Amino acid sequence: MSTELAQKGDAARRRFFKPMIAVLMVVVILLVTAPSIAQAKSKSTAAVKVYQERDGVTRFEEYTPLSSQLGVPPGFFYKANVYAVNFKGGIVLIDCGAEDLYSDLMVAINKKLPSRPILAVLLTHGHADHAGAGHYFIDAGIPVYASFADSYLIQMGMNFPGVPIDFTYTGYTPTQLLYGGEHLFGLNVIPTPGHTYGCLSFLEVETKLLFSGDVTISYPGDDVAPEDMTFELEYMTLQATDDTSLEMQLNSLNLLLELTGDRQVKAIMPGHNQTYYGKHVVDYLKNSIEMVSQELAN
């Protein structure tokens, strides 16, 4: 590994540790202020839910349970999206989900899109809920593309001291590294750093669909149950982020807003929770910008 790659990896690794503090803060808040929720019986829910989006895109929403090692009661979870984008020769996946849910994801994909080969996996960033299952696809001969700046995180599978097991996975080497500005499978690769240094967004030029990963932030109302920690984890991660990364994220969001204003984007497919179309795209981006701006002001 080159010295430059190691240095970038160390920086990105440090960038991830602060959100771990946020996770522990969430746990404490839940157990102290919501004992009735903590003792509630967990609801039975599918590991992967399937949603047919517009323009030939299918959204596979994974429900990832949080382990007792984090101190949370049974039944707490968070949600993350994997997208299948239909092309003439097959489908391209945007992100590949959690390692432990690979089998569930593949069952859902094969049921929804039978006989459609997977051409490639494009990763928005190197966190476990988005990149964790990547080694399975590589073993199956499917190329996995990832940002150069997040490649060290992926190679290590986030297995660093202090990172809870919920957020680690089996490390692997991506098939090909992306730097931004590439055009592949009908998608423009757009660097949108902030959440991690290597965050990427993918813009499908023909349909104007933007896959934004985790540069955008969910609404609180997108959580589906008291046990759903998706928004809370996003928000507390934002609160624990350093100012330099927040400024990067703010710049990335403003760039996406400019693309929307130029009518290059008509829909956003985020890394978590629901998708947004038409006039809701600008509102969603402005909400994310406001949240990041508030944290910078603090």
C-alpha atoms as a PDB file:
ATOM      1  CA  MET A   1       0.000   0.000   0.000  1.00  0.00           C
ATOM      2  CA  SER A   2       1.410   3.420  -0.934  1.00  0.00           C
ATOM      3  CA  THR A   3       2.205   6.048   1.683  1.00  0.00           C
ATOM      4  CA  GLU A   4      -0.393   8.360   0.095  1.00  0.00           C
ATOM      5  CA  LEU A   5      -3.080   5.674   0.285  1.00  0.00           C
ATOM      6  CA  ALA A   6      -2.214   4.881   3.908  1.00  0.00           C
ATOM      7  CA  GLN A   7      -2.378   8.568   4.843  1.00  0.00           C
ATOM      8  CA  LYS A   8      -5.754   8.993   3.136  1.00  0.00           C
ATOM      9  CA  GLY A   9      -6.978   5.835   4.823  1.00  0.00           C
ATOM     10  CA  ASP A  10      -5.854   6.987   8.258  1.00  0.00           C
ATOM     11  CA  ALA A  11      -7.617  10.308   7.769  1.00  0.00           C
ATOM     12  CA  ALA A  12     -10.815   8.616   6.646  1.00  0.00           C
ATOM     13  CA  ARG A  13     -10.601   6.172   9.536  1.00  0.00           C
ATOM     14  CA  ARG A  14     -10.288   9.001  12.048  1.00  0.00           C
ATOM     15  CA  ARG A  15     -13.230  10.651  10.298  1.00  0.00           C
ATOM     16  CA  PHE A  16     -15.350   7.596  11.157  1.00  0.00           C
ATOM     17  CA  PHE A  17     -14.529   7.306  14.865  1.00  0.00           C
ATOM     18  CA  LYS A  18     -16.462  10.389  16.011  1.00  0.00           C
ATOM     19  CA  PRO A  19     -19.792   8.950  14.770  1.00  0.00           C
ATOM     20  CA  MET A  20     -19.167   5.966  17.042  1.00  0.00           C
ATOM     21  CA  ILE A  21     -19.447   8.345  19.977  1.00  0.00           C
ATOM     22  CA  ALA A  22     -22.772   9.438  18.529  1.00  0.00           C
ATOM     23  CA  VAL A  23     -24.013   5.855  18.500  1.00  0.00           C
ATOM     24  CA  LEU A  24     -23.225   5.471  22.177  1.00  0.00           C
ATOM     25  CA  MET A  25     -24.971   8.781  22.892  1.00  0.00           C
ATOM     26  CA  VAL A  26     -28.084   7.504  21.133  1.00  0.00           C
ATOM     27  CA  VAL A  27     -28.008   4.336  23.204  1.00  0.00           C
ATOM     28  CA  VAL A  28     -27.799   6.260  26.475  1.00  0.00           C
ATOM     29  CA  ILE A  29     -30.600   8.633  25.469  1.00  0.00           C
ATOM     30  CA  LEU A  30     -32.858   5.753  24.533  1.00  0.00           C
ATOM     31  CA  LEU A  31     -32.300   3.754  27.669  1.00  0.00           C
ATOM     32  CA  VAL A  32     -32.656   6.732  29.996  1.00  0.00           C
ATOM     33  CA  THR A  33     -35.541   8.599  28.387  1.00  0.00           C
ATOM     34  CA  ALA A  34     -37.530   5.806  26.771  1.00  0.00           C
ATOM     35  CA  PRO A  35     -37.689   2.791  29.094  1.00  0.00           C
ATOM     36  CA  SER A  36     -41.066   1.753  27.729  1.00  0.00           C
ATOM     37  CA  ILE A  37     -39.607   1.531  24.251  1.00  0.00           C
ATOM     38  CA  ALA A  38     -36.532  -0.277  25.522  1.00  0.00           C
ATOM     39  CA  GLN A  39     -38.698  -2.986  27.043  1.00  0.00           C
ATOM     40  CA  ALA A  40     -41.067  -3.263  24.087  1.00  0.00           C
ATOM     41  CA  LYS A  41     -41.403  -6.517  22.215  1.00  0.00           C
ATOM     42  CA  SER A  42     -39.684  -6.238  18.853  1.00  0.00           C
ATOM     43  CA  LYS A  43     -41.877  -6.263  15.781  1.00  0.00           C
ATOM     44  CA  SER A  44     -41.459  -8.931  13.145  1.00  0.00           C
ATOM     45  CA  THR A  45     -40.277  -7.293   9.932  1.00  0.00           C
ATOM     46  CA  ALA A  46     -38.811  -8.431   6.645  1.00  0.00           C
ATOM     47  CA  ALA A  47     -35.041  -8.163   6.317  1.00  0.00           C
ATOM     48  CA  VAL A  48     -35.409  -6.593   2.856  1.00  0.00           C
ATOM     49  CA  LYS A  49     -38.415  -4.659   1.534  1.00  0.00           C
ATOM     50  CA  VAL A  50     -38.809  -3.998  -2.183  1.00  0.00           C
ATOM     51  CA  TYR A  51     -40.090  -0.797  -3.784  1.00  0.00           C
ATOM     52  CA  GLN A  52     -40.534  -0.177  -7.502  1.00  0.00           C
ATOM     53  CA  GLU A  53     -39.349   3.336  -8.251  1.00  0.00           C
ATOM     54  CA  ARG A  54     -39.739   5.210 -11.522  1.00  0.00           C
ATOM     55  CA  ASP A  55     -37.641   4.843 -14.669  1.00  0.00           C
ATOM     56  CA  GLY A  56     -36.811   1.194 -14.129  1.00  0.00           C
ATOM     57  CA  VAL A  57     -35.188   1.541 -10.715  1.00  0.00           C
ATOM     58  CA  THR A  58     -35.914  -0.909  -7.904  1.00  0.00           C
ATOM     59  CA  ARG A  59     -35.129   0.031  -4.300  1.00  0.00           C
ATOM     60  CA  PHE A  60     -34.231  -2.733  -1.887  1.00  0.00           C
ATOM     61  CA  GLU A  61     -34.503  -1.420   1.664  1.00  0.00           C
ATOM     62  CA  GLU A  62     -32.528  -3.464   4.183  1.00  0.00           C
ATOM     63  CA  TYR A  63     -33.550  -3.596   7.837  1.00  0.00           C
ATOM     64  CA  THR A  64     -30.326  -4.103   9.776  1.00  0.00           C
ATOM     65  CA  PRO A  65     -30.697  -5.038  13.458  1.00  0.00           C
ATOM     66  CA  LEU A  66     -28.517  -3.319  16.036  1.00  0.00           C
ATOM     67  CA  SER A  67     -26.679  -5.737  18.294  1.00  0.00           C
ATOM     68  CA  SER A  68     -26.721  -6.005  22.056  1.00  0.00           C
ATOM     69  CA  GLN A  69     -23.041  -5.027  22.014  1.00  0.00           C
ATOM     70  CA  LEU A  70     -24.224  -1.456  21.487  1.00  0.00           C
ATOM     71  CA  GLY A  71     -26.369  -1.750  24.597  1.00  0.00           C
ATOM     72  CA  VAL A  72     -29.678  -1.429  22.755  1.00  0.00           C
ATOM     73  CA  PRO A  73     -32.638  -3.717  23.510  1.00  0.00           C
ATOM     74  CA  PRO A  74     -33.689  -6.430  21.051  1.00  0.00           C
ATOM     75  CA  GLY A  75     -35.647  -5.195  18.072  1.00  0.00           C
ATOM     76  CA  PHE A  76     -33.859  -1.911  17.389  1.00  0.00           C
ATOM     77  CA  PHE A  77     -32.743  -1.460  13.769  1.00  0.00           C
ATOM     78  CA  TYR A  78     -31.872   0.991  11.035  1.00  0.00           C
ATOM     79  CA  LYS A  79     -32.634   1.014   7.310  1.00  0.00           C
ATOM     80  CA  ALA A  80     -30.393   1.408   4.256  1.00  0.00           C
ATOM     81  CA  ASN A  81     -31.051   1.291   0.516  1.00  0.00           C
ATOM     82  CA  VAL A  82     -29.593  -0.754  -2.314  1.00  0.00           C
ATOM     83  CA  TYR A  83     -30.735   0.313  -5.784  1.00  0.00           C
ATOM     84  CA  ALA A  84     -30.945  -1.822  -8.916  1.00  0.00           C
ATOM     85  CA  VAL A  85     -30.768   0.298 -12.070  1.00  0.00           C
ATOM     86  CA  ASN A  86     -31.997  -1.389 -15.249  1.00  0.00           C
ATOM     87  CA  PHE A  87     -29.842  -1.199 -18.350  1.00  0.00           C
ATOM     88  CA  LYS A  88     -30.050  -3.033 -21.650  1.00  0.00           C
ATOM     89  CA  GLY A  89     -27.597  -5.777 -20.723  1.00  0.00           C
ATOM     90  CA  GLY A  90     -28.588  -6.202 -17.077  1.00  0.00           C
ATOM     91  CA  ILE A  91     -28.693  -4.268 -13.801  1.00  0.00           C
ATOM     92  CA  VAL A  92     -26.178  -2.132 -11.935  1.00  0.00           C
ATOM     93  CA  LEU A  93     -26.407  -2.006  -8.157  1.00  0.00           C
ATOM     94  CA  ILE A  94     -25.841   1.256  -6.340  1.00  0.00           C
ATOM     95  CA  ASP A  95     -24.359   0.001  -3.041  1.00  0.00           C
ATOM     96  CA  CYS A  96     -24.564  -3.626  -1.948  1.00  0.00           C
ATOM     97  CA  GLY A  97     -25.883  -3.497   1.616  1.00  0.00           C
ATOM     98  CA  ALA A  98     -24.836  -5.139   4.854  1.00  0.00           C
ATOM     99  CA  GLU A  99     -22.692  -8.253   4.863  1.00  0.00           C
ATOM    100  CA  ASP A 100     -25.089 -10.265   7.023  1.00  0.00           C
ATOM    101  CA  LEU A 101     -28.042  -9.491   4.748  1.00  0.00           C
ATOM    102  CA  TYR A 102     -26.397 -10.561   1.481  1.00  0.00           C
ATOM    103  CA  SER A 103     -28.464 -13.756   1.151  1.00  0.00           C
ATOM    104  CA  ASP A 104     -31.713 -11.903   1.878  1.00  0.00           C
ATOM    105  CA  LEU A 105     -30.794  -9.230  -0.645  1.00  0.00           C
ATOM    106  CA  MET A 106     -30.029 -11.748  -3.370  1.00  0.00           C
ATOM    107  CA  VAL A 107     -33.305 -13.591  -2.773  1.00  0.00           C
ATOM    108  CA  ALA A 108     -35.158 -10.280  -3.146  1.00  0.00           C
ATOM    109  CA  ILE A 109     -33.224  -9.316  -6.298  1.00  0.00           C
ATOM    110  CA  ASN A 110     -33.721 -12.690  -7.965  1.00  0.00           C
ATOM    111  CA  LYS A 111     -37.428 -12.653  -7.141  1.00  0.00           C
ATOM    112  CA  LYS A 112     -38.005  -9.121  -8.382  1.00  0.00           C
ATOM    113  CA  LEU A 113     -35.620  -9.202 -11.337  1.00  0.00           C
ATOM    114  CA  PRO A 114     -35.340 -12.837 -12.465  1.00  0.00           C
ATOM    115  CA  SER A 115     -32.806 -13.665 -15.154  1.00  0.00           C
ATOM    116  CA  ARG A 116     -31.338 -10.150 -15.058  1.00  0.00           C
ATOM    117  CA  PRO A 117     -27.550 -10.362 -14.641  1.00  0.00           C
ATOM    118  CA  ILE A 118     -25.788  -7.987 -12.271  1.00  0.00           C
ATOM    119  CA  LEU A 119     -23.254  -6.056 -14.334  1.00  0.00           C
ATOM    120  CA  ALA A 120     -21.500  -4.205 -11.515  1.00  0.00           C
ATOM    121  CA  VAL A 121     -21.760  -2.697  -8.037  1.00  0.00           C
ATOM    122  CA  LEU A 122     -21.060   1.028  -7.577  1.00  0.00           C
ATOM    123  CA  LEU A 123     -20.402   2.087  -3.980  1.00  0.00           C
ATOM    124  CA  THR A 124     -21.392   5.513  -2.663  1.00  0.00           C
ATOM    125  CA  HIS A 125     -18.968   5.092   0.277  1.00  0.00           C
ATOM    126  CA  GLY A 126     -17.198   2.551   2.434  1.00  0.00           C
ATOM    127  CA  HIS A 127     -19.446   2.111   5.475  1.00  0.00           C
ATOM    128  CA  ALA A 128     -20.774  -1.295   6.455  1.00  0.00           C
ATOM    129  CA  ASP A 129     -24.421  -0.697   5.555  1.00  0.00           C
ATOM    130  CA  HIS A 130     -23.476   0.308   2.008  1.00  0.00           C
ATOM    131  CA  ALA A 131     -20.325  -1.656   1.181  1.00  0.00           C
ATOM    132  CA  GLY A 132     -20.395  -4.600   3.590  1.00  0.00           C
ATOM    133  CA  ALA A 133     -21.490  -7.331   1.171  1.00  0.00           C
ATOM    134  CA  GLY A 134     -19.014  -6.378  -1.533  1.00  0.00           C
ATOM    135  CA  HIS A 135     -16.691  -9.360  -1.204  1.00  0.00           C
ATOM    136  CA  TYR A 136     -19.555 -11.727  -2.094  1.00  0.00           C
ATOM    137  CA  PHE A 137     -20.056  -9.946  -5.399  1.00  0.00           C
ATOM    138  CA  ILE A 138     -16.339  -9.941  -6.185  1.00  0.00           C
ATOM    139  CA  ASP A 139     -16.187 -13.676  -5.408  1.00  0.00           C
ATOM    140  CA  ALA A 140     -19.046 -14.132  -7.892  1.00  0.00           C
ATOM    141  CA  GLY A 141     -17.082 -12.313 -10.592  1.00  0.00           C
ATOM    142  CA  ILE A 142     -19.086  -9.083 -10.390  1.00  0.00           C
ATOM    143  CA  PRO A 143     -16.886  -5.954 -10.353  1.00  0.00           C
ATOM    144  CA  VAL A 144     -17.194  -3.537  -7.438  1.00  0.00           C
ATOM    145  CA  TYR A 145     -16.311   0.114  -8.040  1.00  0.00           C
ATOM    146  CA  ALA A 146     -15.428   2.431  -5.151  1.00  0.00           C
ATOM    147  CA  SER A 147     -13.875   5.804  -4.412  1.00  0.00           C
ATOM    148  CA  PHE A 148     -10.104   5.950  -4.103  1.00  0.00           C
ATOM    149  CA  ALA A 149     -10.489   8.001  -0.922  1.00  0.00           C
ATOM    150  CA  ASP A 150     -12.575   5.287   0.775  1.00  0.00           C
ATOM    151  CA  SER A 151     -10.590   2.306  -0.521  1.00  0.00           C
ATOM    152  CA  TYR A 152      -8.626   1.884   2.712  1.00  0.00           C
ATOM    153  CA  LEU A 153     -11.833   1.731   4.753  1.00  0.00           C
ATOM    154  CA  ILE A 154     -13.113  -0.988   2.431  1.00  0.00           C
ATOM    155  CA  GLN A 155      -9.862  -2.947   2.457  1.00  0.00           C
ATOM    156  CA  MET A 156      -9.950  -2.943   6.249  1.00  0.00           C
ATOM    157  CA  GLY A 157     -13.702  -3.547   6.410  1.00  0.00           C
ATOM    158  CA  MET A 158     -13.823  -0.804   9.070  1.00  0.00           C
ATOM    159  CA  ASN A 159     -12.085  -3.238  11.452  1.00  0.00           C
ATOM    160  CA  PHE A 160     -10.328  -0.564  13.461  1.00  0.00           C
ATOM    161  CA  PRO A 161      -9.912  -0.310  17.252  1.00  0.00           C
ATOM    162  CA  GLY A 162     -12.996   1.212  18.842  1.00  0.00           C
ATOM    163  CA  VAL A 163     -15.385   0.535  15.948  1.00  0.00           C
ATOM    164  CA  PRO A 164     -18.338  -1.597  17.177  1.00  0.00           C
ATOM    165  CA  ILE A 165     -18.865  -4.903  15.402  1.00  0.00           C
ATOM    166  CA  ASP A 166     -22.176  -3.586  13.981  1.00  0.00           C
ATOM    167  CA  PHE A 167     -20.173  -1.275  11.733  1.00  0.00           C
ATOM    168  CA  THR A 168     -17.431  -3.655  10.584  1.00  0.00           C
ATOM    169  CA  TYR A 169     -17.341  -6.235   7.803  1.00  0.00           C
ATOM    170  CA  THR A 170     -15.008  -8.553   5.890  1.00  0.00           C
ATOM    171  CA  GLY A 171     -12.567  -6.288   4.087  1.00  0.00           C
ATOM    172  CA  TYR A 172     -11.802  -6.613   0.392  1.00  0.00           C
ATOM    173  CA  THR A 173     -10.083  -4.776  -2.431  1.00  0.00           C
ATOM    174  CA  PRO A 174     -12.468  -3.029  -4.839  1.00  0.00           C
ATOM    175  CA  THR A 175     -12.165  -4.101  -8.455  1.00  0.00           C
ATOM    176  CA  GLN A 176     -11.718  -0.561  -9.716  1.00  0.00           C
ATOM    177  CA  LEU A 177     -11.191   2.803  -8.039  1.00  0.00           C
ATOM    178  CA  LEU A 178     -13.061   5.970  -8.969  1.00  0.00           C
ATOM    179  CA  TYR A 179     -11.821   9.541  -8.657  1.00  0.00           C
ATOM    180  CA  GLY A 180     -14.843  11.490  -9.906  1.00  0.00           C
ATOM    181  CA  GLY A 181     -15.652  12.646 -13.398  1.00  0.00           C
ATOM    182  CA  GLU A 182     -15.958   9.149 -14.854  1.00  0.00           C
ATOM    183  CA  HIS A 183     -18.927   8.072 -16.955  1.00  0.00           C
ATOM    184  CA  LEU A 184     -19.843   4.414 -16.755  1.00  0.00           C
ATOM    185  CA  PHE A 185     -23.004   2.380 -17.251  1.00  0.00           C
ATOM    186  CA  GLY A 186     -24.821   5.570 -18.217  1.00  0.00           C
ATOM    187  CA  LEU A 187     -23.926   7.206 -14.890  1.00  0.00           C
ATOM    188  CA  ASN A 188     -21.818  10.281 -14.140  1.00  0.00           C
ATOM    189  CA  VAL A 189     -19.590   9.883 -11.083  1.00  0.00           C
ATOM    190  CA  ILE A 190     -19.780  12.974  -8.849  1.00  0.00           C
ATOM    191  CA  PRO A 191     -17.525  13.409  -5.775  1.00  0.00           C
ATOM    192  CA  THR A 192     -19.678  14.505  -2.824  1.00  0.00           C
ATOM    193  CA  PRO A 193     -17.360  14.281   0.222  1.00  0.00           C
ATOM    194  CA  GLY A 194     -18.409  15.083   3.765  1.00  0.00           C
ATOM    195  CA  HIS A 195     -20.009  12.023   5.303  1.00  0.00           C
ATOM    196  CA  THR A 196     -16.744  10.311   4.356  1.00  0.00           C
ATOM    197  CA  TYR A 197     -13.910  11.783   2.342  1.00  0.00           C
ATOM    198  CA  GLY A 198     -14.705   9.410  -0.504  1.00  0.00           C
ATOM    199  CA  CYS A 199     -18.471   9.798  -0.777  1.00  0.00           C
ATOM    200  CA  LEU A 200     -19.714   9.591  -4.348  1.00  0.00           C
ATOM    201  CA  SER A 201     -23.045  10.373  -5.979  1.00  0.00           C
ATOM    202  CA  PHE A 202     -24.133   8.860  -9.284  1.00  0.00           C
ATOM    203  CA  LEU A 203     -26.255  10.744 -11.815  1.00  0.00           C
ATOM    204  CA  GLU A 204     -28.052   8.776 -14.489  1.00  0.00           C
ATOM    205  CA  VAL A 205     -27.862  11.229 -17.359  1.00  0.00           C
ATOM    206  CA  GLU A 206     -30.800   9.995 -19.437  1.00  0.00           C
ATOM    207  CA  THR A 207     -33.380   9.765 -16.647  1.00  0.00           C
ATOM    208  CA  LYS A 208     -31.878  12.509 -14.415  1.00  0.00           C
ATOM    209  CA  LEU A 209     -31.965  10.280 -11.350  1.00  0.00           C
ATOM    210  CA  LEU A 210     -29.383  11.114  -8.679  1.00  0.00           C
ATOM    211  CA  PHE A 211     -28.169   8.451  -6.246  1.00  0.00           C
ATOM    212  CA  SER A 212     -26.860  10.583  -3.393  1.00  0.00           C
ATOM    213  CA  GLY A 213     -25.647   8.052  -0.823  1.00  0.00           C
ATOM    214  CA  ASP A 214     -25.315   9.581   2.644  1.00  0.00           C
ATOM    215  CA  VAL A 215     -24.426  13.152   1.729  1.00  0.00           C
ATOM    216  CA  THR A 216     -28.139  13.931   2.222  1.00  0.00           C
ATOM    217  CA  ILE A 217     -30.014  13.644   5.542  1.00  0.00           C
ATOM    218  CA  SER A 218     -33.362  11.956   6.229  1.00  0.00           C
ATOM    219  CA  TYR A 219     -36.453  13.544   7.736  1.00  0.00           C
ATOM    220  CA  PRO A 220     -37.403  12.404  11.282  1.00  0.00           C
ATOM    221  CA  GLY A 221     -40.790  11.274   9.984  1.00  0.00           C
ATOM    222  CA  ASP A 222     -39.111   8.719   7.712  1.00  0.00           C
ATOM    223  CA  ASP A 223     -38.590   6.377  10.674  1.00  0.00           C
ATOM    224  CA  VAL A 224     -41.257   3.669  10.621  1.00  0.00           C
ATOM    225  CA  ALA A 225     -41.360   2.632  14.301  1.00  0.00           C
ATOM    226  CA  PRO A 226     -40.045   3.644  17.728  1.00  0.00           C
ATOM    227  CA  GLU A 227     -37.345   1.010  17.277  1.00  0.00           C
ATOM    228  CA  ASP A 228     -36.243   2.510  13.957  1.00  0.00           C
ATOM    229  CA  MET A 229     -32.945   4.349  14.552  1.00  0.00           C
ATOM    230  CA  THR A 230     -32.255   5.488  10.976  1.00  0.00           C
ATOM    231  CA  PHE A 231     -32.783   9.212  11.428  1.00  0.00           C
ATOM    232  CA  GLU A 232     -31.302   9.215  14.928  1.00  0.00           C
ATOM    233  CA  LEU A 233     -28.060   7.639  13.735  1.00  0.00           C
ATOM    234  CA  GLU A 234     -27.811  10.052  10.822  1.00  0.00           C
ATOM    235  CA  TYR A 235     -28.513  13.059  13.015  1.00  0.00           C
ATOM    236  CA  MET A 236     -26.186  12.100  15.856  1.00  0.00           C
ATOM    237  CA  THR A 237     -23.451  11.303  13.339  1.00  0.00           C
ATOM    238  CA  LEU A 238     -23.909  14.794  11.938  1.00  0.00           C
ATOM    239  CA  GLN A 239     -23.605  16.267  15.427  1.00  0.00           C
ATOM    240  CA  ALA A 240     -20.329  14.435  15.998  1.00  0.00           C
ATOM    241  CA  THR A 241     -18.784  15.479  12.676  1.00  0.00           C
ATOM    242  CA  ASP A 242     -15.844  17.899  12.613  1.00  0.00           C
ATOM    243  CA  ASP A 243     -16.238  21.307  11.010  1.00  0.00           C
ATOM    244  CA  THR A 244     -13.957  20.554   8.055  1.00  0.00           C
ATOM    245  CA  SER A 245     -16.055  17.559   7.036  1.00  0.00           C
ATOM    246  CA  LEU A 246     -19.279  19.488   7.595  1.00  0.00           C
ATOM    247  CA  GLU A 247     -18.012  22.219   5.275  1.00  0.00           C
ATOM    248  CA  MET A 248     -17.204  19.578   2.670  1.00  0.00           C
ATOM    249  CA  GLN A 249     -20.679  18.107   3.048  1.00  0.00           C
ATOM    250  CA  LEU A 250     -22.276  21.544   2.755  1.00  0.00           C
ATOM    251  CA  ASN A 251     -20.330  22.235  -0.449  1.00  0.00           C
ATOM    252  CA  SER A 252     -21.413  18.860  -1.828  1.00  0.00           C
ATOM    253  CA  LEU A 253     -25.061  19.561  -1.059  1.00  0.00           C
ATOM    254  CA  ASN A 254     -24.882  22.988  -2.685  1.00  0.00           C
ATOM    255  CA  LEU A 255     -23.375  21.360  -5.763  1.00  0.00           C
ATOM    256  CA  LEU A 256     -26.308  18.947  -5.956  1.00  0.00           C
ATOM    257  CA  LEU A 257     -28.714  21.847  -5.503  1.00  0.00           C
ATOM    258  CA  GLU A 258     -27.032  23.631  -8.434  1.00  0.00           C
ATOM    259  CA  LEU A 259     -27.453  20.541 -10.606  1.00  0.00           C
ATOM    260  CA  THR A 260     -31.119  20.472  -9.653  1.00  0.00           C
ATOM    261  CA  GLY A 261     -31.481  24.151 -10.527  1.00  0.00           C
ATOM    262  CA  ASP A 262     -29.904  23.437 -13.898  1.00  0.00           C
ATOM    263  CA  ARG A 263     -32.578  20.770 -14.421  1.00  0.00           C
ATOM    264  CA  GLN A 264     -30.006  17.990 -14.513  1.00  0.00           C
ATOM    265  CA  VAL A 265     -31.711  16.236 -11.560  1.00  0.00           C
ATOM    266  CA  LYS A 266     -35.400  15.346 -11.332  1.00  0.00           C
ATOM    267  CA  ALA A 267     -35.254  12.763  -8.530  1.00  0.00           C
ATOM    268  CA  ILE A 268     -33.008  11.841  -5.603  1.00  0.00           C
ATOM    269  CA  MET A 269     -32.393   8.290  -4.437  1.00  0.00           C
ATOM    270  CA  PRO A 270     -30.753   8.617  -0.983  1.00  0.00           C
ATOM    271  CA  GLY A 271     -28.805   6.035   0.960  1.00  0.00           C
ATOM    272  CA  HIS A 272     -31.519   5.849   3.618  1.00  0.00           C
ATOM    273  CA  ASN A 273     -35.302   5.998   3.673  1.00  0.00           C
ATOM    274  CA  GLN A 274     -37.601   7.092   0.845  1.00  0.00           C
ATOM    275  CA  THR A 275     -36.920   8.678  -2.536  1.00  0.00           C
ATOM    276  CA  TYR A 276     -37.900  12.191  -3.666  1.00  0.00           C
ATOM    277  CA  TYR A 277     -39.310  13.428  -6.976  1.00  0.00           C
ATOM    278  CA  GLY A 278     -40.166  16.734  -8.597  1.00  0.00           C
ATOM    279  CA  LYS A 279     -40.587  19.715  -6.279  1.00  0.00           C
ATOM    280  CA  HIS A 280     -39.728  17.547  -3.262  1.00  0.00           C
ATOM    281  CA  VAL A 281     -36.119  17.249  -4.499  1.00  0.00           C
ATOM    282  CA  VAL A 282     -35.289  20.894  -3.788  1.00  0.00           C
ATOM    283  CA  ASP A 283     -37.063  20.794  -0.417  1.00  0.00           C
ATOM    284  CA  TYR A 284     -35.125  17.678   0.559  1.00  0.00           C
ATOM    285  CA  LEU A 285     -31.775  19.181  -0.424  1.00  0.00           C
ATOM    286  CA  LYS A 286     -32.547  22.460   1.353  1.00  0.00           C
ATOM    287  CA  ASN A 287     -33.503  20.521   4.490  1.00  0.00           C
ATOM    288  CA  SER A 288     -30.151  18.704   4.393  1.00  0.00           C
ATOM    289  CA  ILE A 289     -28.315  21.993   3.815  1.00  0.00           C
ATOM    290  CA  GLU A 290     -30.119  23.574   6.765  1.00  0.00           C
ATOM    291  CA  MET A 291     -29.232  20.692   9.077  1.00  0.00           C
ATOM    292  CA  VAL A 292     -25.552  20.775   8.125  1.00  0.00           C
ATOM    293  CA  SER A 293     -25.484  24.575   8.387  1.00  0.00           C
ATOM    294  CA  GLN A 294     -26.966  24.409  11.878  1.00  0.00           C
ATOM    295  CA  GLU A 295     -24.252  22.027  13.006  1.00  0.00           C
ATOM    296  CA  LEU A 296     -21.574  24.288  11.563  1.00  0.00           C
ATOM    297  CA  ALA A 297     -23.083  27.235  13.424  1.00  0.00           C
ATOM    298  CA  ASN A 298     -22.923  25.258  16.657  1.00  0.00           C
END
